[in-house]
Amino acid sequence: RDDPLDALSAREREVLALMAEGRSNAGIARRLWVTEGTVEKHVRSILTKLGLSETDDDHRRVLAVLTFLDSR
């Protein structure tokens, strides 16, 4: 089966795993020793690569985490 996470870089997978732990961007930044801006760029890239468009009805971050958990 095709894994949607195959499109993500190793760092993006790290960020997504920390998102799945419930960490905020600030928490992820501290954990990975990067800036919050860098985390925001990774999150945007993750959402784009997973094809999660911005809508009023969905929380894309939650959908990304669900995709992560489903692929495990």
PDB file of N, CA and C in Angstrom:
ATOM      1  N   ARG A   1       0.840  -1.182   0.000  1.00  0.00           N
ATOM      2  CA  ARG A   1       0.000   0.000   0.000  1.00  0.00           C
ATOM      3  C   ARG A   1       0.879   1.237   0.000  1.00  0.00           C
ATOM      4  N   ASP A   2       0.415   2.266  -0.652  1.00  0.00           N
ATOM      5  CA  ASP A   2       1.188   3.502  -0.717  1.00  0.00           C
ATOM      6  C   ASP A   2       1.128   4.225   0.624  1.00  0.00           C
ATOM      7  N   ASP A   3       2.285   4.651   1.089  1.00  0.00           N
ATOM      8  CA  ASP A   3       2.370   5.382   2.355  1.00  0.00           C
ATOM      9  C   ASP A   3       2.444   6.871   2.046  1.00  0.00           C
ATOM     10  N   PRO A   4       1.450   7.659   2.470  1.00  0.00           N
ATOM     11  CA  PRO A   4       1.484   9.100   2.193  1.00  0.00           C
ATOM     12  C   PRO A   4       2.669   9.796   2.841  1.00  0.00           C
ATOM     13  N   LEU A   5       3.253   9.169   3.848  1.00  0.00           N
ATOM     14  CA  LEU A   5       4.393   9.791   4.530  1.00  0.00           C
ATOM     15  C   LEU A   5       5.694   9.638   3.751  1.00  0.00           C
ATOM     16  N   ASP A   6       5.690   8.826   2.701  1.00  0.00           N
ATOM     17  CA  ASP A   6       6.897   8.652   1.883  1.00  0.00           C
ATOM     18  C   ASP A   6       7.363   9.970   1.271  1.00  0.00           C
ATOM     19  N   ALA A   7       6.441  10.910   1.084  1.00  0.00           N
ATOM     20  CA  ALA A   7       6.789  12.199   0.480  1.00  0.00           C
ATOM     21  C   ALA A   7       7.516  13.123   1.461  1.00  0.00           C
ATOM     22  N   LEU A   8       7.482  12.790   2.753  1.00  0.00           N
ATOM     23  CA  LEU A   8       8.069  13.664   3.768  1.00  0.00           C
ATOM     24  C   LEU A   8       9.550  13.385   3.961  1.00  0.00           C
ATOM     25  N   SER A   9      10.288  14.447   4.279  1.00  0.00           N
ATOM     26  CA  SER A   9      11.700  14.291   4.621  1.00  0.00           C
ATOM     27  C   SER A   9      11.807  13.705   6.033  1.00  0.00           C
ATOM     28  N   ALA A  10      12.994  13.286   6.398  1.00  0.00           N
ATOM     29  CA  ALA A  10      13.216  12.734   7.740  1.00  0.00           C
ATOM     30  C   ALA A  10      12.867  13.768   8.812  1.00  0.00           C
ATOM     31  N   ARG A  11      13.242  15.021   8.604  1.00  0.00           N
ATOM     32  CA  ARG A  11      12.958  16.072   9.582  1.00  0.00           C
ATOM     33  C   ARG A  11      11.462  16.333   9.668  1.00  0.00           C
ATOM     34  N   GLU A  12      10.777  16.317   8.523  1.00  0.00           N
ATOM     35  CA  GLU A  12       9.328  16.511   8.537  1.00  0.00           C
ATOM     36  C   GLU A  12       8.637  15.386   9.294  1.00  0.00           C
ATOM     37  N   ARG A  13       9.154  14.180   9.171  1.00  0.00           N
ATOM     38  CA  ARG A  13       8.602  13.053   9.932  1.00  0.00           C
ATOM     39  C   ARG A  13       8.818  13.256  11.426  1.00  0.00           C
ATOM     40  N   GLU A  14       9.976  13.790  11.797  1.00  0.00           N
ATOM     41  CA  GLU A  14      10.244  14.090  13.215  1.00  0.00           C
ATOM     42  C   GLU A  14       9.239  15.111  13.737  1.00  0.00           C
ATOM     43  N   VAL A  15       9.036  16.159  12.963  1.00  0.00           N
ATOM     44  CA  VAL A  15       8.093  17.206  13.358  1.00  0.00           C
ATOM     45  C   VAL A  15       6.695  16.624  13.486  1.00  0.00           C
ATOM     46  N   LEU A  16       6.286  15.809  12.535  1.00  0.00           N
ATOM     47  CA  LEU A  16       4.960  15.213  12.563  1.00  0.00           C
ATOM     48  C   LEU A  16       4.806  14.275  13.764  1.00  0.00           C
ATOM     49  N   ALA A  17       5.836  13.527  14.090  1.00  0.00           N
ATOM     50  CA  ALA A  17       5.786  12.637  15.253  1.00  0.00           C
ATOM     51  C   ALA A  17       5.612  13.447  16.537  1.00  0.00           C
ATOM     52  N   LEU A  18       6.283  14.579  16.636  1.00  0.00           N
ATOM     53  CA  LEU A  18       6.143  15.440  17.813  1.00  0.00           C
ATOM     54  C   LEU A  18       4.762  16.093  17.843  1.00  0.00           C
ATOM     55  N   MET A  19       4.228  16.420  16.679  1.00  0.00           N
ATOM     56  CA  MET A  19       2.850  16.921  16.610  1.00  0.00           C
ATOM     57  C   MET A  19       1.899  15.856  17.155  1.00  0.00           C
ATOM     58  N   ALA A  20       2.168  14.598  16.808  1.00  0.00           N
ATOM     59  CA  ALA A  20       1.318  13.494  17.258  1.00  0.00           C
ATOM     60  C   ALA A  20       1.399  13.297  18.769  1.00  0.00           C
ATOM     61  N   GLU A  21       2.480  13.758  19.372  1.00  0.00           N
ATOM     62  CA  GLU A  21       2.617  13.715  20.831  1.00  0.00           C
ATOM     63  C   GLU A  21       1.877  14.871  21.487  1.00  0.00           C
ATOM     64  N   GLY A  22       1.313  15.768  20.663  1.00  0.00           N
ATOM     65  CA  GLY A  22       0.555  16.900  21.187  1.00  0.00           C
ATOM     66  C   GLY A  22       1.378  18.137  21.450  1.00  0.00           C
ATOM     67  N   ARG A  23       2.591  18.175  20.932  1.00  0.00           N
ATOM     68  CA  ARG A  23       3.463  19.328  21.181  1.00  0.00           C
ATOM     69  C   ARG A  23       3.090  20.515  20.307  1.00  0.00           C
ATOM     70  N   SER A  24       3.261  21.692  20.853  1.00  0.00           N
ATOM     71  CA  SER A  24       3.050  22.943  20.129  1.00  0.00           C
ATOM     72  C   SER A  24       4.262  23.214  19.240  1.00  0.00           C
ATOM     73  N   ASN A  25       4.142  24.208  18.378  1.00  0.00           N
ATOM     74  CA  ASN A  25       5.299  24.584  17.555  1.00  0.00           C
ATOM     75  C   ASN A  25       6.478  24.991  18.438  1.00  0.00           C
ATOM     76  N   ALA A  26       6.197  25.727  19.510  1.00  0.00           N
ATOM     77  CA  ALA A  26       7.267  26.151  20.424  1.00  0.00           C
ATOM     78  C   ALA A  26       7.909  24.927  21.080  1.00  0.00           C
ATOM     79  N   GLY A  27       7.087  23.968  21.483  1.00  0.00           N
ATOM     80  CA  GLY A  27       7.617  22.749  22.099  1.00  0.00           C
ATOM     81  C   GLY A  27       8.444  21.931  21.130  1.00  0.00           C
ATOM     82  N   ILE A  28       7.992  21.853  19.893  1.00  0.00           N
ATOM     83  CA  ILE A  28       8.743  21.129  18.866  1.00  0.00           C
ATOM     84  C   ILE A  28      10.078  21.832  18.617  1.00  0.00           C
ATOM     85  N   ALA A  29      10.038  23.155  18.534  1.00  0.00           N
ATOM     86  CA  ALA A  29      11.261  23.928  18.291  1.00  0.00           C
ATOM     87  C   ALA A  29      12.287  23.676  19.388  1.00  0.00           C
ATOM     88  N   ARG A  30      11.849  23.708  20.642  1.00  0.00           N
ATOM     89  CA  ARG A  30      12.782  23.467  21.755  1.00  0.00           C
ATOM     90  C   ARG A  30      13.349  22.053  21.693  1.00  0.00           C
ATOM     91  N   ARG A  31      12.509  21.098  21.378  1.00  0.00           N
ATOM     92  CA  ARG A  31      12.936  19.696  21.337  1.00  0.00           C
ATOM     93  C   ARG A  31      13.962  19.448  20.235  1.00  0.00           C
ATOM     94  N   LEU A  32      13.785  20.113  19.080  1.00  0.00           N
ATOM     95  CA  LEU A  32      14.673  19.896  17.933  1.00  0.00           C
ATOM     96  C   LEU A  32      15.788  20.929  17.830  1.00  0.00           C
ATOM     97  N   TRP A  33      15.812  21.868  18.763  1.00  0.00           N
ATOM     98  CA  TRP A  33      16.831  22.931  18.763  1.00  0.00           C
ATOM     99  C   TRP A  33      16.814  23.740  17.468  1.00  0.00           C
ATOM    100  N   VAL A  34      15.608  24.143  17.059  1.00  0.00           N
ATOM    101  CA  VAL A  34      15.425  25.007  15.890  1.00  0.00           C
ATOM    102  C   VAL A  34      14.489  26.145  16.299  1.00  0.00           C
ATOM    103  N   THR A  35      14.309  27.111  15.414  1.00  0.00           N
ATOM    104  CA  THR A  35      13.408  28.220  15.714  1.00  0.00           C
ATOM    105  C   THR A  35      11.959  27.806  15.452  1.00  0.00           C
ATOM    106  N   GLU A  36      11.043  28.556  16.055  1.00  0.00           N
ATOM    107  CA  GLU A  36       9.629  28.306  15.801  1.00  0.00           C
ATOM    108  C   GLU A  36       9.299  28.529  14.330  1.00  0.00           C
ATOM    109  N   GLY A  37       9.948  29.507  13.715  1.00  0.00           N
ATOM    110  CA  GLY A  37       9.738  29.776  12.298  1.00  0.00           C
ATOM    111  C   GLY A  37      10.101  28.578  11.440  1.00  0.00           C
ATOM    112  N   THR A  38      11.175  27.898  11.811  1.00  0.00           N
ATOM    113  CA  THR A  38      11.581  26.697  11.083  1.00  0.00           C
ATOM    114  C   THR A  38      10.524  25.610  11.228  1.00  0.00           C
ATOM    115  N   VAL A  39       9.998  25.452  12.436  1.00  0.00           N
ATOM    116  CA  VAL A  39       8.938  24.456  12.655  1.00  0.00           C
ATOM    117  C   VAL A  39       7.715  24.808  11.817  1.00  0.00           C
ATOM    118  N   GLU A  40       7.350  26.083  11.790  1.00  0.00           N
ATOM    119  CA  GLU A  40       6.194  26.512  10.994  1.00  0.00           C
ATOM    120  C   GLU A  40       6.387  26.166   9.518  1.00  0.00           C
ATOM    121  N   LYS A  41       7.604  26.352   9.014  1.00  0.00           N
ATOM    122  CA  LYS A  41       7.892  26.003   7.617  1.00  0.00           C
ATOM    123  C   LYS A  41       7.751  24.499   7.391  1.00  0.00           C
ATOM    124  N   HIS A  42       8.235  23.713   8.336  1.00  0.00           N
ATOM    125  CA  HIS A  42       8.094  22.257   8.221  1.00  0.00           C
ATOM    126  C   HIS A  42       6.625  21.850   8.252  1.00  0.00           C
ATOM    127  N   VAL A  43       5.861  22.454   9.160  1.00  0.00           N
ATOM    128  CA  VAL A  43       4.436  22.118   9.262  1.00  0.00           C
ATOM    129  C   VAL A  43       3.724  22.464   7.962  1.00  0.00           C
ATOM    130  N   ARG A  44       3.994  23.645   7.405  1.00  0.00           N
ATOM    131  CA  ARG A  44       3.382  24.025   6.122  1.00  0.00           C
ATOM    132  C   ARG A  44       3.733  23.018   5.028  1.00  0.00           C
ATOM    133  N   SER A  45       4.986  22.611   5.008  1.00  0.00           N
ATOM    134  CA  SER A  45       5.437  21.652   4.002  1.00  0.00           C
ATOM    135  C   SER A  45       4.742  20.298   4.191  1.00  0.00           C
ATOM    136  N   ILE A  46       4.621  19.859   5.431  1.00  0.00           N
ATOM    137  CA  ILE A  46       3.934  18.602   5.738  1.00  0.00           C
ATOM    138  C   ILE A  46       2.496  18.658   5.237  1.00  0.00           C
ATOM    139  N   LEU A  47       1.811  19.730   5.569  1.00  0.00           N
ATOM    140  CA  LEU A  47       0.408  19.867   5.176  1.00  0.00           C
ATOM    141  C   LEU A  47       0.260  19.872   3.655  1.00  0.00           C
ATOM    142  N   THR A  48       1.171  20.543   2.977  1.00  0.00           N
ATOM    143  CA  THR A  48       1.139  20.589   1.516  1.00  0.00           C
ATOM    144  C   THR A  48       1.405  19.211   0.925  1.00  0.00           C
ATOM    145  N   LYS A  49       2.459  18.546   1.395  1.00  0.00           N
ATOM    146  CA  LYS A  49       2.819  17.239   0.854  1.00  0.00           C
ATOM    147  C   LYS A  49       1.746  16.182   1.117  1.00  0.00           C
ATOM    148  N   LEU A  50       0.999  16.335   2.203  1.00  0.00           N
ATOM    149  CA  LEU A  50      -0.078  15.395   2.510  1.00  0.00           C
ATOM    150  C   LEU A  50      -1.384  15.775   1.817  1.00  0.00           C
ATOM    151  N   GLY A  51      -1.369  16.886   1.075  1.00  0.00           N
ATOM    152  CA  GLY A  51      -2.543  17.308   0.321  1.00  0.00           C
ATOM    153  C   GLY A  51      -3.674  17.812   1.196  1.00  0.00           C
ATOM    154  N   LEU A  52      -3.333  18.420   2.311  1.00  0.00           N
ATOM    155  CA  LEU A  52      -4.339  18.917   3.247  1.00  0.00           C
ATOM    156  C   LEU A  52      -4.547  20.408   3.020  1.00  0.00           C
ATOM    157  N   SER A  53      -5.535  20.717   2.207  1.00  0.00           N
ATOM    158  CA  SER A  53      -5.854  22.099   1.869  1.00  0.00           C
ATOM    159  C   SER A  53      -6.555  22.793   3.025  1.00  0.00           C
ATOM    160  N   GLU A  54      -6.415  24.092   3.073  1.00  0.00           N
ATOM    161  CA  GLU A  54      -7.051  24.883   4.117  1.00  0.00           C
ATOM    162  C   GLU A  54      -8.553  24.995   3.856  1.00  0.00           C
ATOM    163  N   THR A  55      -9.342  24.641   4.864  1.00  0.00           N
ATOM    164  CA  THR A  55     -10.796  24.770   4.780  1.00  0.00           C
ATOM    165  C   THR A  55     -11.317  25.294   6.117  1.00  0.00           C
ATOM    166  N   ASP A  56     -12.559  25.753   6.116  1.00  0.00           N
ATOM    167  CA  ASP A  56     -13.181  26.213   7.360  1.00  0.00           C
ATOM    168  C   ASP A  56     -13.680  25.047   8.207  1.00  0.00           C
ATOM    169  N   ASP A  57     -13.802  23.877   7.594  1.00  0.00           N
ATOM    170  CA  ASP A  57     -14.406  22.739   8.270  1.00  0.00           C
ATOM    171  C   ASP A  57     -13.423  21.788   8.941  1.00  0.00           C
ATOM    172  N   ASP A  58     -12.162  21.839   8.557  1.00  0.00           N
ATOM    173  CA  ASP A  58     -11.198  20.851   9.043  1.00  0.00           C
ATOM    174  C   ASP A  58     -10.007  21.507   9.729  1.00  0.00           C
ATOM    175  N   HIS A  59      -9.443  20.787  10.678  1.00  0.00           N
ATOM    176  CA  HIS A  59      -8.210  21.216  11.338  1.00  0.00           C
ATOM    177  C   HIS A  59      -7.082  20.399  10.720  1.00  0.00           C
ATOM    178  N   ARG A  60      -6.323  21.017   9.839  1.00  0.00           N
ATOM    179  CA  ARG A  60      -5.319  20.302   9.047  1.00  0.00           C
ATOM    180  C   ARG A  60      -4.256  19.634   9.910  1.00  0.00           C
ATOM    181  N   ARG A  61      -3.889  20.259  11.009  1.00  0.00           N
ATOM    182  CA  ARG A  61      -2.866  19.682  11.886  1.00  0.00           C
ATOM    183  C   ARG A  61      -3.353  18.341  12.456  1.00  0.00           C
ATOM    184  N   VAL A  62      -4.610  18.299  12.856  1.00  0.00           N
ATOM    185  CA  VAL A  62      -5.185  17.051  13.376  1.00  0.00           C
ATOM    186  C   VAL A  62      -5.245  16.003  12.270  1.00  0.00           C
ATOM    187  N   LEU A  63      -5.642  16.403  11.075  1.00  0.00           N
ATOM    188  CA  LEU A  63      -5.704  15.466   9.952  1.00  0.00           C
ATOM    189  C   LEU A  63      -4.320  14.907   9.616  1.00  0.00           C
ATOM    190  N   ALA A  64      -3.294  15.740   9.729  1.00  0.00           N
ATOM    191  CA  ALA A  64      -1.922  15.276   9.485  1.00  0.00           C
ATOM    192  C   ALA A  64      -1.527  14.234  10.528  1.00  0.00           C
ATOM    193  N   VAL A  65      -1.866  14.486  11.778  1.00  0.00           N
ATOM    194  CA  VAL A  65      -1.548  13.531  12.839  1.00  0.00           C
ATOM    195  C   VAL A  65      -2.306  12.223  12.620  1.00  0.00           C
ATOM    196  N   LEU A  66      -3.570  12.302  12.226  1.00  0.00           N
ATOM    197  CA  LEU A  66      -4.334  11.088  11.946  1.00  0.00           C
ATOM    198  C   LEU A  66      -3.711  10.290  10.805  1.00  0.00           C
ATOM    199  N   THR A  67      -3.224  10.984   9.791  1.00  0.00           N
ATOM    200  CA  THR A  67      -2.529  10.308   8.688  1.00  0.00           C
ATOM    201  C   THR A  67      -1.290   9.609   9.200  1.00  0.00           C
ATOM    202  N   PHE A  68      -0.537  10.283  10.074  1.00  0.00           N
ATOM    203  CA  PHE A  68       0.669   9.719  10.675  1.00  0.00           C
ATOM    204  C   PHE A  68       0.328   8.445  11.461  1.00  0.00           C
ATOM    205  N   LEU A  69      -0.682   8.538  12.308  1.00  0.00           N
ATOM    206  CA  LEU A  69      -1.056   7.393  13.139  1.00  0.00           C
ATOM    207  C   LEU A  69      -1.596   6.235  12.304  1.00  0.00           C
ATOM    208  N   ASP A  70      -2.315   6.561  11.243  1.00  0.00           N
ATOM    209  CA  ASP A  70      -2.870   5.522  10.374  1.00  0.00           C
ATOM    210  C   ASP A  70      -1.783   4.785   9.607  1.00  0.00           C
ATOM    211  N   SER A  71      -0.663   5.423   9.342  1.00  0.00           N
ATOM    212  CA  SER A  71       0.386   4.803   8.547  1.00  0.00           C
ATOM    213  C   SER A  71       1.336   3.938   9.383  1.00  0.00           C
ATOM    214  N   ARG A  72       1.150   3.939  10.694  1.00  0.00           N
ATOM    215  CA  ARG A  72       2.038   3.165  11.578  1.00  0.00           C
ATOM    216  C   ARG A  72       1.667   1.722  11.637  1.00  0.00           C
TER     217      ARG A  72
END
